[in-house]
Amino acid sequence: MEELIWGRRIRAFRKLKGFTQEDFAKRIGISVSVLGEIERGNRKPSEDLLKAVTETLQISLDELTSIN
């Protein structure tokens, strides 16, 4: 369940910031297929990947994990 929440939040912020999956995956150093797995909730992002995600999206980890 936690993986699904991470994935949905990452996808929402990625789209809000105007990144395509291809561009975003390249910027954070993973393949598009891995990003797709994360966004679908099939894979949990590592701490290092979460850091890259938040830095690239220019958001805090708290913003990414906030349910509200």
PDB file of N, CA and C in Angstrom:
ATOM      1  N   MET A   1       0.822  -1.206   0.000  1.00  0.00           N
ATOM      2  CA  MET A   1       0.000   0.000   0.000  1.00  0.00           C
ATOM      3  C   MET A   1       0.865   1.269   0.000  1.00  0.00           C
ATOM      4  N   GLU A   2       1.917   1.254   0.809  1.00  0.00           N
ATOM      5  CA  GLU A   2       2.798   2.420   0.887  1.00  0.00           C
ATOM      6  C   GLU A   2       3.419   2.727  -0.473  1.00  0.00           C
ATOM      7  N   GLU A   3       3.778   1.679  -1.221  1.00  0.00           N
ATOM      8  CA  GLU A   3       4.373   1.872  -2.539  1.00  0.00           C
ATOM      9  C   GLU A   3       3.416   2.604  -3.467  1.00  0.00           C
ATOM     10  N   LEU A   4       2.133   2.263  -3.387  1.00  0.00           N
ATOM     11  CA  LEU A   4       1.126   2.898  -4.232  1.00  0.00           C
ATOM     12  C   LEU A   4       1.011   4.389  -3.923  1.00  0.00           C
ATOM     13  N   ILE A   5       1.054   4.723  -2.643  1.00  0.00           N
ATOM     14  CA  ILE A   5       0.972   6.135  -2.238  1.00  0.00           C
ATOM     15  C   ILE A   5       2.190   6.905  -2.739  1.00  0.00           C
ATOM     16  N   TRP A   6       3.402   6.323  -2.556  1.00  0.00           N
ATOM     17  CA  TRP A   6       4.616   6.972  -3.071  1.00  0.00           C
ATOM     18  C   TRP A   6       4.473   7.226  -4.559  1.00  0.00           C
ATOM     19  N   GLY A   7       4.071   6.195  -5.271  1.00  0.00           N
ATOM     20  CA  GLY A   7       3.977   6.299  -6.727  1.00  0.00           C
ATOM     21  C   GLY A   7       2.998   7.357  -7.191  1.00  0.00           C
ATOM     22  N   ARG A   8       1.847   7.392  -6.573  1.00  0.00           N
ATOM     23  CA  ARG A   8       0.838   8.388  -6.955  1.00  0.00           C
ATOM     24  C   ARG A   8       1.315   9.805  -6.675  1.00  0.00           C
ATOM     25  N   ARG A   9       1.971   9.987  -5.544  1.00  0.00           N
ATOM     26  CA  ARG A   9       2.463  11.321  -5.187  1.00  0.00           C
ATOM     27  C   ARG A   9       3.570  11.766  -6.141  1.00  0.00           C
ATOM     28  N   ILE A  10       4.490  10.843  -6.447  1.00  0.00           N
ATOM     29  CA  ILE A  10       5.582  11.176  -7.373  1.00  0.00           C
ATOM     30  C   ILE A  10       5.013  11.526  -8.737  1.00  0.00           C
ATOM     31  N   ARG A  11       4.078  10.717  -9.228  1.00  0.00           N
ATOM     32  CA  ARG A  11       3.462  10.989 -10.532  1.00  0.00           C
ATOM     33  C   ARG A  11       2.756  12.342 -10.534  1.00  0.00           C
ATOM     34  N   ALA A  12       2.006  12.634  -9.484  1.00  0.00           N
ATOM     35  CA  ALA A  12       1.267  13.898  -9.418  1.00  0.00           C
ATOM     36  C   ALA A  12       2.214  15.100  -9.445  1.00  0.00           C
ATOM     37  N   PHE A  13       3.271  15.053  -8.632  1.00  0.00           N
ATOM     38  CA  PHE A  13       4.225  16.164  -8.619  1.00  0.00           C
ATOM     39  C   PHE A  13       4.992  16.253  -9.934  1.00  0.00           C
ATOM     40  N   ARG A  14       5.346  15.103 -10.511  1.00  0.00           N
ATOM     41  CA  ARG A  14       6.056  15.111 -11.796  1.00  0.00           C
ATOM     42  C   ARG A  14       5.229  15.811 -12.860  1.00  0.00           C
ATOM     43  N   LYS A  15       3.944  15.471 -12.926  1.00  0.00           N
ATOM     44  CA  LYS A  15       3.062  16.095 -13.921  1.00  0.00           C
ATOM     45  C   LYS A  15       2.843  17.569 -13.614  1.00  0.00           C
ATOM     46  N   LEU A  16       2.684  17.894 -12.335  1.00  0.00           N
ATOM     47  CA  LEU A  16       2.486  19.285 -11.930  1.00  0.00           C
ATOM     48  C   LEU A  16       3.670  20.155 -12.346  1.00  0.00           C
ATOM     49  N   LYS A  17       4.866  19.598 -12.271  1.00  0.00           N
ATOM     50  CA  LYS A  17       6.071  20.332 -12.632  1.00  0.00           C
ATOM     51  C   LYS A  17       6.380  20.259 -14.126  1.00  0.00           C
ATOM     52  N   GLY A  18       5.569  19.517 -14.893  1.00  0.00           N
ATOM     53  CA  GLY A  18       5.699  19.506 -16.342  1.00  0.00           C
ATOM     54  C   GLY A  18       6.713  18.537 -16.919  1.00  0.00           C
ATOM     55  N   PHE A  19       7.121  17.540 -16.145  1.00  0.00           N
ATOM     56  CA  PHE A  19       8.075  16.547 -16.639  1.00  0.00           C
ATOM     57  C   PHE A  19       7.364  15.371 -17.311  1.00  0.00           C
ATOM     58  N   THR A  20       7.908  14.920 -18.427  1.00  0.00           N
ATOM     59  CA  THR A  20       7.453  13.645 -18.995  1.00  0.00           C
ATOM     60  C   THR A  20       8.139  12.532 -18.203  1.00  0.00           C
ATOM     61  N   GLN A  21       7.632  11.328 -18.334  1.00  0.00           N
ATOM     62  CA  GLN A  21       8.289  10.200 -17.668  1.00  0.00           C
ATOM     63  C   GLN A  21       9.725  10.055 -18.159  1.00  0.00           C
ATOM     64  N   GLU A  22       9.923  10.198 -19.460  1.00  0.00           N
ATOM     65  CA  GLU A  22      11.253  10.023 -20.033  1.00  0.00           C
ATOM     66  C   GLU A  22      12.241  11.051 -19.488  1.00  0.00           C
ATOM     67  N   ASP A  23      11.850  12.306 -19.493  1.00  0.00           N
ATOM     68  CA  ASP A  23      12.727  13.372 -19.017  1.00  0.00           C
ATOM     69  C   ASP A  23      13.005  13.228 -17.529  1.00  0.00           C
ATOM     70  N   PHE A  24      11.980  12.935 -16.759  1.00  0.00           N
ATOM     71  CA  PHE A  24      12.140  12.815 -15.315  1.00  0.00           C
ATOM     72  C   PHE A  24      13.032  11.633 -14.957  1.00  0.00           C
ATOM     73  N   ALA A  25      12.808  10.502 -15.600  1.00  0.00           N
ATOM     74  CA  ALA A  25      13.634   9.315 -15.334  1.00  0.00           C
ATOM     75  C   ALA A  25      15.099   9.608 -15.625  1.00  0.00           C
ATOM     76  N   LYS A  26      15.351  10.278 -16.735  1.00  0.00           N
ATOM     77  CA  LYS A  26      16.731  10.626 -17.104  1.00  0.00           C
ATOM     78  C   LYS A  26      17.356  11.536 -16.057  1.00  0.00           C
ATOM     79  N   ARG A  27      16.609  12.516 -15.584  1.00  0.00           N
ATOM     80  CA  ARG A  27      17.141  13.473 -14.610  1.00  0.00           C
ATOM     81  C   ARG A  27      17.456  12.828 -13.265  1.00  0.00           C
ATOM     82  N   ILE A  28      16.678  11.805 -12.875  1.00  0.00           N
ATOM     83  CA  ILE A  28      16.939  11.166 -11.579  1.00  0.00           C
ATOM     84  C   ILE A  28      17.784   9.907 -11.711  1.00  0.00           C
ATOM     85  N   GLY A  29      18.174   9.571 -12.943  1.00  0.00           N
ATOM     86  CA  GLY A  29      19.122   8.496 -13.151  1.00  0.00           C
ATOM     87  C   GLY A  29      18.580   7.086 -13.117  1.00  0.00           C
ATOM     88  N   ILE A  30      17.321   6.925 -13.539  1.00  0.00           N
ATOM     89  CA  ILE A  30      16.738   5.581 -13.622  1.00  0.00           C
ATOM     90  C   ILE A  30      16.092   5.404 -14.988  1.00  0.00           C
ATOM     91  N   SER A  31      15.706   4.183 -15.292  1.00  0.00           N
ATOM     92  CA  SER A  31      15.040   3.920 -16.568  1.00  0.00           C
ATOM     93  C   SER A  31      13.560   4.291 -16.475  1.00  0.00           C
ATOM     94  N   VAL A  32      12.977   4.493 -17.628  1.00  0.00           N
ATOM     95  CA  VAL A  32      11.544   4.803 -17.688  1.00  0.00           C
ATOM     96  C   VAL A  32      10.734   3.637 -17.118  1.00  0.00           C
ATOM     97  N   SER A  33      11.181   2.415 -17.371  1.00  0.00           N
ATOM     98  CA  SER A  33      10.433   1.253 -16.866  1.00  0.00           C
ATOM     99  C   SER A  33      10.450   1.203 -15.336  1.00  0.00           C
ATOM    100  N   VAL A  34      11.577   1.551 -14.728  1.00  0.00           N
ATOM    101  CA  VAL A  34      11.638   1.585 -13.262  1.00  0.00           C
ATOM    102  C   VAL A  34      10.742   2.695 -12.727  1.00  0.00           C
ATOM    103  N   LEU A  35      10.772   3.860 -13.354  1.00  0.00           N
ATOM    104  CA  LEU A  35       9.886   4.951 -12.934  1.00  0.00           C
ATOM    105  C   LEU A  35       8.429   4.521 -13.052  1.00  0.00           C
ATOM    106  N   GLY A  36       8.083   3.849 -14.140  1.00  0.00           N
ATOM    107  CA  GLY A  36       6.722   3.362 -14.306  1.00  0.00           C
ATOM    108  C   GLY A  36       6.317   2.399 -13.197  1.00  0.00           C
ATOM    109  N   GLU A  37       7.231   1.515 -12.812  1.00  0.00           N
ATOM    110  CA  GLU A  37       6.940   0.573 -11.723  1.00  0.00           C
ATOM    111  C   GLU A  37       6.700   1.317 -10.415  1.00  0.00           C
ATOM    112  N   ILE A  38       7.513   2.344 -10.163  1.00  0.00           N
ATOM    113  CA  ILE A  38       7.336   3.143  -8.945  1.00  0.00           C
ATOM    114  C   ILE A  38       5.998   3.865  -8.983  1.00  0.00           C
ATOM    115  N   GLU A  39       5.688   4.505 -10.095  1.00  0.00           N
ATOM    116  CA  GLU A  39       4.444   5.274 -10.197  1.00  0.00           C
ATOM    117  C   GLU A  39       3.206   4.381 -10.119  1.00  0.00           C
ATOM    118  N   ARG A  40       3.317   3.144 -10.562  1.00  0.00           N
ATOM    119  CA  ARG A  40       2.192   2.201 -10.457  1.00  0.00           C
ATOM    120  C   ARG A  40       2.103   1.537  -9.096  1.00  0.00           C
ATOM    121  N   GLY A  41       3.109   1.756  -8.248  1.00  0.00           N
ATOM    122  CA  GLY A  41       3.097   1.176  -6.915  1.00  0.00           C
ATOM    123  C   GLY A  41       3.654  -0.231  -6.858  1.00  0.00           C
ATOM    124  N   ASN A  42       4.360  -0.647  -7.894  1.00  0.00           N
ATOM    125  CA  ASN A  42       4.939  -1.987  -7.917  1.00  0.00           C
ATOM    126  C   ASN A  42       6.341  -2.030  -7.328  1.00  0.00           C
ATOM    127  N   ARG A  43       6.914  -0.874  -7.058  1.00  0.00           N
ATOM    128  CA  ARG A  43       8.277  -0.800  -6.526  1.00  0.00           C
ATOM    129  C   ARG A  43       8.363   0.390  -5.582  1.00  0.00           C
ATOM    130  N   LYS A  44       9.018   0.179  -4.450  1.00  0.00           N
ATOM    131  CA  LYS A  44       9.213   1.258  -3.482  1.00  0.00           C
ATOM    132  C   LYS A  44      10.532   1.957  -3.783  1.00  0.00           C
ATOM    133  N   PRO A  45      10.531   3.282  -3.859  1.00  0.00           N
ATOM    134  CA  PRO A  45      11.768   4.010  -4.139  1.00  0.00           C
ATOM    135  C   PRO A  45      12.723   3.955  -2.941  1.00  0.00           C
ATOM    136  N   SER A  46      14.014   3.877  -3.224  1.00  0.00           N
ATOM    137  CA  SER A  46      15.026   3.894  -2.168  1.00  0.00           C
ATOM    138  C   SER A  46      15.150   5.307  -1.602  1.00  0.00           C
ATOM    139  N   GLU A  47      15.844   5.413  -0.487  1.00  0.00           N
ATOM    140  CA  GLU A  47      16.059   6.737   0.116  1.00  0.00           C
ATOM    141  C   GLU A  47      16.855   7.636  -0.822  1.00  0.00           C
ATOM    142  N   ASP A  48      17.867   7.069  -1.488  1.00  0.00           N
ATOM    143  CA  ASP A  48      18.659   7.868  -2.435  1.00  0.00           C
ATOM    144  C   ASP A  48      17.803   8.352  -3.599  1.00  0.00           C
ATOM    145  N   LEU A  49      16.923   7.494  -4.076  1.00  0.00           N
ATOM    146  CA  LEU A  49      16.045   7.874  -5.177  1.00  0.00           C
ATOM    147  C   LEU A  49      15.057   8.950  -4.729  1.00  0.00           C
ATOM    148  N   LEU A  50      14.534   8.815  -3.521  1.00  0.00           N
ATOM    149  CA  LEU A  50      13.620   9.838  -3.002  1.00  0.00           C
ATOM    150  C   LEU A  50      14.320  11.188  -2.905  1.00  0.00           C
ATOM    151  N   LYS A  51      15.587  11.178  -2.527  1.00  0.00           N
ATOM    152  CA  LYS A  51      16.341  12.428  -2.461  1.00  0.00           C
ATOM    153  C   LYS A  51      16.463  13.042  -3.854  1.00  0.00           C
ATOM    154  N   ALA A  52      16.769  12.219  -4.845  1.00  0.00           N
ATOM    155  CA  ALA A  52      16.874  12.717  -6.225  1.00  0.00           C
ATOM    156  C   ALA A  52      15.532  13.253  -6.715  1.00  0.00           C
ATOM    157  N   VAL A  53      14.453  12.561  -6.366  1.00  0.00           N
ATOM    158  CA  VAL A  53      13.109  12.986  -6.768  1.00  0.00           C
ATOM    159  C   VAL A  53      12.775  14.347  -6.170  1.00  0.00           C
ATOM    160  N   THR A  54      12.991  14.493  -4.867  1.00  0.00           N
ATOM    161  CA  THR A  54      12.630  15.757  -4.217  1.00  0.00           C
ATOM    162  C   THR A  54      13.505  16.908  -4.702  1.00  0.00           C
ATOM    163  N   GLU A  55      14.791  16.639  -4.941  1.00  0.00           N
ATOM    164  CA  GLU A  55      15.670  17.694  -5.455  1.00  0.00           C
ATOM    165  C   GLU A  55      15.274  18.115  -6.865  1.00  0.00           C
ATOM    166  N   THR A  56      14.962  17.144  -7.704  1.00  0.00           N
ATOM    167  CA  THR A  56      14.588  17.444  -9.085  1.00  0.00           C
ATOM    168  C   THR A  56      13.263  18.190  -9.153  1.00  0.00           C
ATOM    169  N   LEU A  57      12.326  17.792  -8.313  1.00  0.00           N
ATOM    170  CA  LEU A  57      11.004  18.437  -8.303  1.00  0.00           C
ATOM    171  C   LEU A  57      10.993  19.713  -7.478  1.00  0.00           C
ATOM    172  N   GLN A  58      12.075  19.973  -6.761  1.00  0.00           N
ATOM    173  CA  GLN A  58      12.193  21.141  -5.886  1.00  0.00           C
ATOM    174  C   GLN A  58      11.069  21.185  -4.859  1.00  0.00           C
ATOM    175  N   ILE A  59      10.904  20.033  -4.193  1.00  0.00           N
ATOM    176  CA  ILE A  59       9.934  19.913  -3.105  1.00  0.00           C
ATOM    177  C   ILE A  59      10.634  19.254  -1.928  1.00  0.00           C
ATOM    178  N   SER A  60      10.025  19.349  -0.756  1.00  0.00           N
ATOM    179  CA  SER A  60      10.584  18.689   0.424  1.00  0.00           C
ATOM    180  C   SER A  60      10.033  17.273   0.517  1.00  0.00           C
ATOM    181  N   LEU A  61      10.719  16.448   1.285  1.00  0.00           N
ATOM    182  CA  LEU A  61      10.226  15.097   1.522  1.00  0.00           C
ATOM    183  C   LEU A  61       8.875  15.142   2.221  1.00  0.00           C
ATOM    184  N   ASP A  62       8.683  16.123   3.093  1.00  0.00           N
ATOM    185  CA  ASP A  62       7.392  16.281   3.776  1.00  0.00           C
ATOM    186  C   ASP A  62       6.260  16.556   2.787  1.00  0.00           C
ATOM    187  N   GLU A  63       6.535  17.376   1.780  1.00  0.00           N
ATOM    188  CA  GLU A  63       5.514  17.648   0.758  1.00  0.00           C
ATOM    189  C   GLU A  63       5.170  16.366  -0.003  1.00  0.00           C
ATOM    190  N   LEU A  64       6.172  15.569  -0.267  1.00  0.00           N
ATOM    191  CA  LEU A  64       5.953  14.328  -1.022  1.00  0.00           C
ATOM    192  C   LEU A  64       5.164  13.319  -0.205  1.00  0.00           C
ATOM    193  N   THR A  65       5.385  13.288   1.110  1.00  0.00           N
ATOM    194  CA  THR A  65       4.735  12.278   1.932  1.00  0.00           C
ATOM    195  C   THR A  65       3.424  12.741   2.554  1.00  0.00           C
ATOM    196  N   SER A  66       3.117  14.017   2.438  1.00  0.00           N
ATOM    197  CA  SER A  66       1.892  14.549   3.025  1.00  0.00           C
ATOM    198  C   SER A  66       0.669  13.948   2.346  1.00  0.00           C
ATOM    199  N   ILE A  67      -0.246  13.465   3.152  1.00  0.00           N
ATOM    200  CA  ILE A  67      -1.473  12.858   2.620  1.00  0.00           C
ATOM    201  C   ILE A  67      -2.543  13.925   2.376  1.00  0.00           C
ATOM    202  N   ASN A  68      -2.468  15.037   3.051  1.00  0.00           N
ATOM    203  CA  ASN A  68      -3.512  16.073   2.932  1.00  0.00           C
ATOM    204  C   ASN A  68      -3.527  16.691   1.595  1.00  0.00           C
TER     205      ASN A  68
END
